[in-house]
Amino acid sequence: MTNPDAGPPAGNPDGGCDLPDEAGLADVSQPRTVVGDGSPASCTGAAFVDAVAKGGVITFDCGPDPVTITLEETAKIVNDTGPEIVIDGGGKVTLSGGGEVRILYQNTCDEAQKWTTPMCNNQDHPRLTVQNLTFVDGQAAGEDPGGGGAIFVRGGRLKVINARFFNNRCDEVGPDVGGGAIRVFDQFDDQPVYVVNSTFGGLEDGLGNVCSNGGALSSIGVSYTVLNSLFVGNRAIGDGANPAQDGTPGGGSGGAIYNDGNTFTLSLCGVAITDNHANEGGGAIFFVSNDRSGTLRIDRSELRRNPSDGFETQGFPGIFVLADGDPLVTDSVIE
């Protein structure tokens, strides 16, 4: 199993971009549930799954030292237990899927988790924040819906702050599946997913996140704002791109980030994307706005050594983009 101590700390140390108020840490001073009673042994996978089902603010009391909690089943959010759901590991908790299960699941259109509005794909809750946590060894291969080895979210909102993701995986092939670490559909009123001061992968073997597409992040029609974060050694390992070429299963694009759909944005500020790899297009970023209305913005960031074995956009190494014009690049290095 993955050793979280082998991975880099959360965030890009050279980031430095200012954060909007809504991208800040959530208040956890009044938790609904505290997992554990002060001892590592009390912080079990079952206790965490139960806490997530109850919703609200969740913190941990597992003793003074870092602890890894291994799940035997996916922790699933029940859609009427918010509206705010916060999971805060205090910088000492690692959640592990043990190489067997997805770690965390939110889906407002899943009847088993309760429908709470008539427009499940555009509702403002649950609003999920995960912060000060590490996610390792999540596995979503064969899951339906697919993708999101560590976290799958559909509907409501998602925010990720001060988090680390190592060796999370989803299906190895397929033209549409993606998100070794995180897969997102349908955010309320098309507001962005914030990923702040977080790390995906590392240079040591077994730290990178892996999927057919989008080794770290994947979505369809969803905007991301990624701030002061680090992507290293993530891989898109599918074969045949999208749509799948004849005789292939498809996939292989977006070594670090895969975004597809119509009108959406990917905004990076203070982000380092290095040493990621795609078997097909976009060793760093695959960004396709089908109606050419989407925009890709890269500010005060560096993208280095992100090979694309199949294709990329001329003049933008490691990136394949079809959007409303070229990427908007300021004060950044792409090489």
Protein backbone atom coordinates (compact mmCIF):
# COMPACT_ATOMS: atom_id res chain seq x y z
CA MET A 1 0.00 0.00 0.00
CA THR A 2 1.06 3.57 -0.63
CA ASN A 3 3.13 5.31 2.02
CA PRO A 4 1.77 8.88 2.27
CA ASP A 5 4.99 10.01 3.94
CA ALA A 6 6.79 9.36 0.64
CA GLY A 7 4.72 11.98 -1.16
CA PRO A 8 5.28 15.72 -1.37
CA PRO A 9 3.38 18.09 0.92
CA ALA A 10 0.12 19.71 -0.11
CA GLY A 11 0.34 22.49 -2.66
CA ASN A 12 2.84 24.23 -4.90
CA PRO A 13 5.42 25.99 -2.69
CA ASP A 14 6.05 28.50 -5.47
CA GLY A 15 2.35 29.27 -6.02
CA GLY A 16 1.55 32.57 -4.34
CA CYS A 17 -1.76 33.39 -6.00
CA ASP A 18 -4.40 35.12 -3.90
CA LEU A 19 -7.47 33.13 -2.96
CA PRO A 20 -11.05 34.34 -3.33
CA ASP A 21 -13.06 34.21 -0.12
CA GLU A 22 -15.11 31.26 -1.28
CA ALA A 23 -11.94 29.20 -1.79
CA GLY A 24 -10.94 29.40 1.88
CA LEU A 25 -11.03 26.77 4.60
CA ALA A 26 -14.39 25.81 6.06
CA ASP A 27 -15.15 26.34 9.74
CA VAL A 28 -14.93 23.07 11.68
CA SER A 29 -15.26 24.44 15.21
CA GLN A 30 -18.59 22.71 15.79
CA PRO A 31 -18.42 19.23 14.25
CA ARG A 32 -21.46 17.02 14.00
CA THR A 33 -19.26 13.94 14.27
CA VAL A 34 -15.76 13.36 15.59
CA VAL A 35 -14.29 10.11 14.26
CA GLY A 36 -12.28 8.40 17.00
CA ASP A 37 -11.89 8.71 20.75
CA GLY A 38 -8.25 9.75 20.88
CA SER A 39 -6.67 6.44 19.90
CA PRO A 40 -5.58 5.29 16.43
CA ALA A 41 -7.51 2.03 16.83
CA SER A 42 -10.78 3.93 17.22
CA CYS A 43 -10.39 5.57 13.80
CA THR A 44 -11.77 2.78 11.65
CA GLY A 45 -13.06 2.70 8.11
CA ALA A 46 -16.51 1.77 9.38
CA ALA A 47 -16.55 4.76 11.75
CA PHE A 48 -15.66 7.09 8.89
CA VAL A 49 -18.33 5.63 6.58
CA ASP A 50 -20.93 6.09 9.32
CA ALA A 51 -19.82 9.67 9.91
CA VAL A 52 -20.12 10.57 6.23
CA ALA A 53 -23.62 9.10 6.10
CA LYS A 54 -24.62 11.44 8.95
CA GLY A 55 -23.24 14.48 7.11
CA GLY A 56 -22.48 17.89 8.53
CA VAL A 57 -18.98 18.75 9.73
CA ILE A 58 -16.68 15.79 10.36
CA THR A 59 -13.35 15.91 12.21
CA PHE A 60 -11.02 13.28 13.69
CA ASP A 61 -9.50 12.46 17.08
CA CYS A 62 -7.05 9.66 16.36
CA GLY A 63 -4.19 10.60 18.67
CA PRO A 64 -1.16 12.84 18.22
CA ASP A 65 0.43 11.00 15.29
CA PRO A 66 -0.54 10.67 11.62
CA VAL A 67 -2.94 7.81 10.94
CA THR A 68 -4.16 5.91 7.87
CA ILE A 69 -7.80 4.82 7.82
CA THR A 70 -8.46 2.03 5.32
CA LEU A 71 -12.00 1.65 4.00
CA GLU A 72 -13.67 -1.63 3.09
CA GLU A 73 -16.56 0.19 1.45
CA THR A 74 -17.06 3.59 -0.15
CA ALA A 75 -18.15 6.43 2.10
CA LYS A 76 -21.36 7.82 0.58
CA ILE A 77 -22.92 11.21 1.22
CA VAL A 78 -26.67 11.24 1.87
CA ASN A 79 -28.05 14.27 0.09
CA ASP A 80 -30.27 15.61 2.88
CA THR A 81 -27.58 15.65 5.59
CA GLY A 82 -26.03 19.02 4.72
CA PRO A 83 -26.38 21.45 3.23
CA GLU A 84 -22.73 21.98 4.26
CA ILE A 85 -20.65 18.82 4.50
CA VAL A 86 -17.04 19.28 5.58
CA ILE A 87 -14.44 16.58 6.13
CA ASP A 88 -11.30 17.90 7.84
CA GLY A 89 -8.36 15.62 8.59
CA GLY A 90 -6.36 18.18 10.53
CA GLY A 91 -3.33 17.42 8.37
CA LYS A 92 -2.84 14.05 10.08
CA VAL A 93 -5.41 11.73 8.46
CA THR A 94 -4.95 9.61 5.35
CA LEU A 95 -8.01 7.92 3.86
CA SER A 96 -7.18 4.78 1.89
CA GLY A 97 -9.28 2.72 -0.49
CA GLY A 98 -6.88 -0.17 0.03
CA GLY A 99 -6.60 -0.58 -3.72
CA GLU A 100 -10.12 -2.01 -3.69
CA VAL A 101 -12.76 0.72 -3.33
CA ARG A 102 -13.49 4.32 -4.25
CA ILE A 103 -13.07 6.46 -1.15
CA LEU A 104 -15.81 9.12 -1.30
CA TYR A 105 -19.02 9.44 -3.33
CA GLN A 106 -21.59 12.22 -3.73
CA ASN A 107 -24.36 11.99 -6.31
CA THR A 108 -27.49 14.13 -6.13
CA CYS A 109 -29.09 12.09 -8.92
CA ASP A 110 -28.63 8.75 -7.15
CA GLU A 111 -32.01 7.76 -5.70
CA ALA A 112 -30.27 5.50 -3.17
CA GLN A 113 -28.72 8.63 -1.62
CA LYS A 114 -32.10 10.48 -1.74
CA TRP A 115 -33.40 12.93 -4.30
CA THR A 116 -33.88 16.26 -2.55
CA THR A 117 -34.93 18.53 -5.42
CA PRO A 118 -36.72 18.03 -8.75
CA MET A 119 -33.56 19.25 -10.56
CA CYS A 120 -30.97 16.85 -9.22
CA ASN A 121 -28.35 17.91 -11.77
CA ASN A 122 -28.55 21.59 -10.77
CA GLN A 123 -29.04 22.00 -7.04
CA ASP A 124 -26.99 23.98 -4.55
CA HIS A 125 -26.49 21.20 -2.00
CA PRO A 126 -24.81 19.21 -0.64
CA ARG A 127 -21.83 21.55 -0.61
CA LEU A 128 -18.89 19.26 0.04
CA THR A 129 -15.51 20.49 1.28
CA VAL A 130 -12.59 18.13 1.86
CA GLN A 131 -9.62 19.74 3.56
CA ASN A 132 -6.36 18.87 5.32
CA LEU A 133 -6.59 15.25 4.14
CA THR A 134 -4.61 12.71 2.12
CA PHE A 135 -6.33 10.22 -0.22
CA VAL A 136 -4.44 7.10 -1.30
CA ASP A 137 -5.11 3.83 -3.13
CA GLY A 138 -8.67 4.63 -4.18
CA GLN A 139 -9.94 2.31 -6.91
CA ALA A 140 -12.99 2.96 -9.09
CA ALA A 141 -12.33 0.51 -11.93
CA GLY A 142 -15.61 -1.09 -13.00
CA GLU A 143 -17.74 1.34 -11.00
CA ASP A 144 -20.92 2.86 -12.43
CA PRO A 145 -20.78 5.84 -12.64
CA GLY A 146 -17.17 5.54 -13.69
CA GLY A 147 -14.10 7.52 -12.74
CA GLY A 148 -13.03 9.23 -9.56
CA GLY A 149 -10.78 6.73 -7.82
CA ALA A 150 -10.66 8.88 -4.70
CA ILE A 151 -13.69 11.16 -5.11
CA PHE A 152 -16.72 11.11 -7.40
CA VAL A 153 -19.13 14.07 -7.27
CA ARG A 154 -22.26 14.80 -9.24
CA GLY A 155 -24.39 17.80 -8.30
CA GLY A 156 -24.19 20.32 -5.48
CA ARG A 157 -20.70 21.76 -5.04
CA LEU A 158 -17.18 20.47 -4.37
CA LYS A 159 -14.17 22.24 -2.88
CA VAL A 160 -10.75 20.65 -2.20
CA ILE A 161 -8.24 22.44 0.05
CA ASN A 162 -4.85 21.39 1.43
CA ALA A 163 -5.31 17.84 0.19
CA ARG A 164 -2.98 15.20 -1.29
CA PHE A 165 -3.83 12.39 -3.71
CA PHE A 166 -1.50 9.43 -4.35
CA ASN A 167 -1.98 6.24 -6.37
CA ASN A 168 -5.70 6.59 -6.95
CA ARG A 169 -7.04 4.80 -10.02
CA CYS A 170 -10.03 4.23 -12.27
CA ASP A 171 -10.65 2.26 -15.47
CA GLU A 172 -7.55 1.72 -17.59
CA VAL A 173 -9.31 2.13 -20.95
CA GLY A 174 -12.40 3.83 -22.37
CA PRO A 175 -13.04 7.05 -24.30
CA ASP A 176 -15.08 8.89 -21.66
CA VAL A 177 -14.09 7.55 -18.25
CA GLY A 178 -11.56 9.61 -16.31
CA GLY A 179 -10.27 11.04 -13.09
CA GLY A 180 -7.82 8.78 -11.30
CA ALA A 181 -8.20 11.07 -8.29
CA ILE A 182 -11.35 13.18 -8.86
CA ARG A 183 -14.26 13.03 -11.31
CA VAL A 184 -16.98 15.70 -11.28
CA PHE A 185 -20.29 16.19 -13.08
CA ASP A 186 -22.90 18.93 -12.70
CA GLN A 187 -21.99 21.77 -10.36
CA PHE A 188 -24.74 24.14 -9.23
CA ASP A 189 -25.30 26.95 -11.74
CA ASP A 190 -22.05 25.93 -13.48
CA GLN A 191 -19.97 27.35 -10.63
CA PRO A 192 -16.38 26.08 -10.49
CA VAL A 193 -14.83 23.31 -8.49
CA TYR A 194 -12.08 24.93 -6.39
CA VAL A 195 -8.87 22.94 -5.97
CA VAL A 196 -6.61 24.88 -3.63
CA ASN A 197 -3.11 24.24 -2.27
CA SER A 198 -3.35 20.55 -3.16
CA THR A 199 -1.00 17.91 -4.57
CA PHE A 200 -1.70 15.13 -7.05
CA GLY A 201 1.02 12.50 -7.38
CA GLY A 202 4.78 12.63 -7.02
CA LEU A 203 7.98 11.51 -8.68
CA GLU A 204 8.42 8.36 -6.60
CA ASP A 205 7.05 5.18 -8.17
CA GLY A 206 3.46 4.46 -7.17
CA LEU A 207 2.53 8.02 -6.19
CA GLY A 208 0.97 9.20 -9.46
CA ASN A 209 -2.76 8.89 -10.08
CA VAL A 210 -3.79 6.85 -13.12
CA CYS A 211 -6.84 6.43 -15.33
CA SER A 212 -7.79 5.99 -18.97
CA ASN A 213 -8.13 9.80 -19.18
CA GLY A 214 -7.35 12.56 -16.70
CA GLY A 215 -4.83 10.95 -14.40
CA ALA A 216 -5.65 13.45 -11.65
CA LEU A 217 -8.79 15.44 -12.57
CA SER A 218 -11.61 14.74 -15.02
CA SER A 219 -14.99 16.22 -15.79
CA ILE A 220 -17.57 16.77 -18.50
CA GLY A 221 -19.01 20.28 -18.76
CA VAL A 222 -17.65 21.34 -15.36
CA SER A 223 -15.37 24.31 -14.65
CA TYR A 224 -12.32 24.10 -12.40
CA THR A 225 -10.36 26.86 -10.67
CA VAL A 226 -7.04 25.38 -9.55
CA LEU A 227 -4.87 27.52 -7.29
CA ASN A 228 -1.34 27.01 -5.87
CA SER A 229 -1.41 23.28 -6.57
CA LEU A 230 0.99 20.61 -7.82
CA PHE A 231 0.52 17.80 -10.38
CA VAL A 232 3.41 15.36 -10.79
CA GLY A 233 3.70 11.92 -12.36
CA ASN A 234 0.03 11.37 -13.20
CA ARG A 235 -0.83 9.30 -16.29
CA ALA A 236 -3.59 8.84 -18.85
CA ILE A 237 -3.10 5.26 -19.98
CA GLY A 238 -6.03 4.55 -22.33
CA ASP A 239 -5.57 3.76 -26.00
CA GLY A 240 -7.29 5.27 -29.02
CA ALA A 241 -8.45 8.74 -27.84
CA ASN A 242 -12.07 9.95 -28.03
CA PRO A 243 -13.96 9.00 -30.13
CA ALA A 244 -12.11 5.72 -29.98
CA GLN A 245 -10.11 4.91 -33.09
CA ASP A 246 -11.06 1.74 -34.93
CA GLY A 247 -9.81 -1.35 -33.17
CA THR A 248 -9.04 0.44 -29.88
CA PRO A 249 -10.91 0.74 -26.57
CA GLY A 250 -10.37 4.52 -26.46
CA GLY A 251 -8.89 6.95 -23.99
CA GLY A 252 -5.37 8.04 -23.17
CA SER A 253 -5.73 11.84 -22.97
CA GLY A 254 -5.05 14.40 -20.24
CA GLY A 255 -2.10 13.12 -18.24
CA ALA A 256 -2.97 15.44 -15.36
CA ILE A 257 -6.28 17.14 -16.29
CA TYR A 258 -9.07 16.13 -18.70
CA ASN A 259 -11.94 18.54 -19.41
CA ASP A 260 -14.62 17.91 -22.02
CA GLY A 261 -18.05 19.38 -22.77
CA ASN A 262 -19.36 22.68 -24.11
CA THR A 263 -19.25 25.92 -22.09
CA PHE A 264 -16.82 25.66 -19.19
CA THR A 265 -13.48 27.06 -18.01
CA LEU A 266 -10.23 25.75 -16.61
CA SER A 267 -8.36 28.46 -14.71
CA LEU A 268 -4.91 27.76 -13.30
CA CYS A 269 -2.98 30.17 -11.08
CA GLY A 270 0.21 29.31 -9.23
CA VAL A 271 0.07 25.73 -10.50
CA ALA A 272 2.99 23.43 -11.34
CA ILE A 273 2.27 20.55 -13.75
CA THR A 274 5.41 18.51 -14.35
CA ASP A 275 6.36 15.03 -15.53
CA ASN A 276 2.86 13.83 -16.35
CA HIS A 277 2.16 11.66 -19.40
CA ALA A 278 -0.62 10.88 -21.88
CA ASN A 279 -0.65 7.96 -24.29
CA GLU A 280 -2.70 10.11 -26.69
CA GLY A 281 -3.33 13.87 -26.33
CA GLY A 282 -2.37 16.44 -23.72
CA GLY A 283 0.36 15.11 -21.44
CA ALA A 284 -0.54 17.91 -19.02
CA ILE A 285 -4.00 19.12 -20.09
CA PHE A 286 -6.69 17.92 -22.47
CA PHE A 287 -9.30 20.66 -22.90
CA VAL A 288 -12.02 20.26 -25.53
CA SER A 289 -14.99 22.63 -25.67
CA ASN A 290 -17.16 20.93 -28.27
CA ASP A 291 -19.00 24.15 -29.23
CA ARG A 292 -15.79 26.22 -28.86
CA SER A 293 -17.26 28.41 -26.13
CA GLY A 294 -14.96 27.33 -23.31
CA THR A 295 -11.79 29.06 -22.14
CA LEU A 296 -8.46 27.86 -20.75
CA ARG A 297 -6.51 30.34 -18.59
CA ILE A 298 -2.99 29.76 -17.28
CA ASP A 299 -1.50 32.40 -14.96
CA ARG A 300 1.77 32.36 -13.01
CA SER A 301 2.14 28.64 -13.60
CA GLU A 302 4.68 26.24 -15.03
CA LEU A 303 4.08 23.23 -17.25
CA ARG A 304 7.23 21.21 -17.95
CA ARG A 305 8.05 17.73 -19.28
CA ASN A 306 4.51 16.53 -19.95
CA PRO A 307 4.83 14.34 -23.06
CA SER A 308 1.86 13.60 -25.30
CA ASP A 309 2.57 10.46 -27.31
CA GLY A 310 -0.26 11.09 -29.78
CA PHE A 311 -1.08 14.76 -30.34
CA GLU A 312 -0.99 18.26 -28.84
CA THR A 313 -1.67 21.84 -29.92
CA GLN A 314 1.19 23.48 -31.78
CA GLY A 315 2.95 26.04 -29.64
CA PHE A 316 1.59 24.65 -26.35
CA PRO A 317 3.69 21.65 -25.32
CA GLY A 318 1.76 19.14 -23.22
CA ILE A 319 -1.62 20.71 -24.02
CA PHE A 320 -4.35 19.77 -26.46
CA VAL A 321 -6.98 22.49 -26.63
CA LEU A 322 -10.08 23.21 -28.70
CA ALA A 323 -11.71 26.30 -27.23
CA ASP A 324 -12.73 29.91 -27.75
CA GLY A 325 -9.30 30.79 -29.11
CA ASP A 326 -5.86 29.86 -27.84
CA PRO A 327 -5.15 29.41 -24.13
CA LEU A 328 -4.86 32.74 -22.28
CA VAL A 329 -1.35 32.48 -20.84
CA THR A 330 0.22 35.11 -18.56
CA ASP A 331 3.52 35.05 -16.62
CA SER A 332 3.84 31.30 -17.17
CA VAL A 333 6.29 28.75 -18.57
CA ILE A 334 5.10 25.99 -20.91
CA GLU A 335 7.87 23.76 -22.22
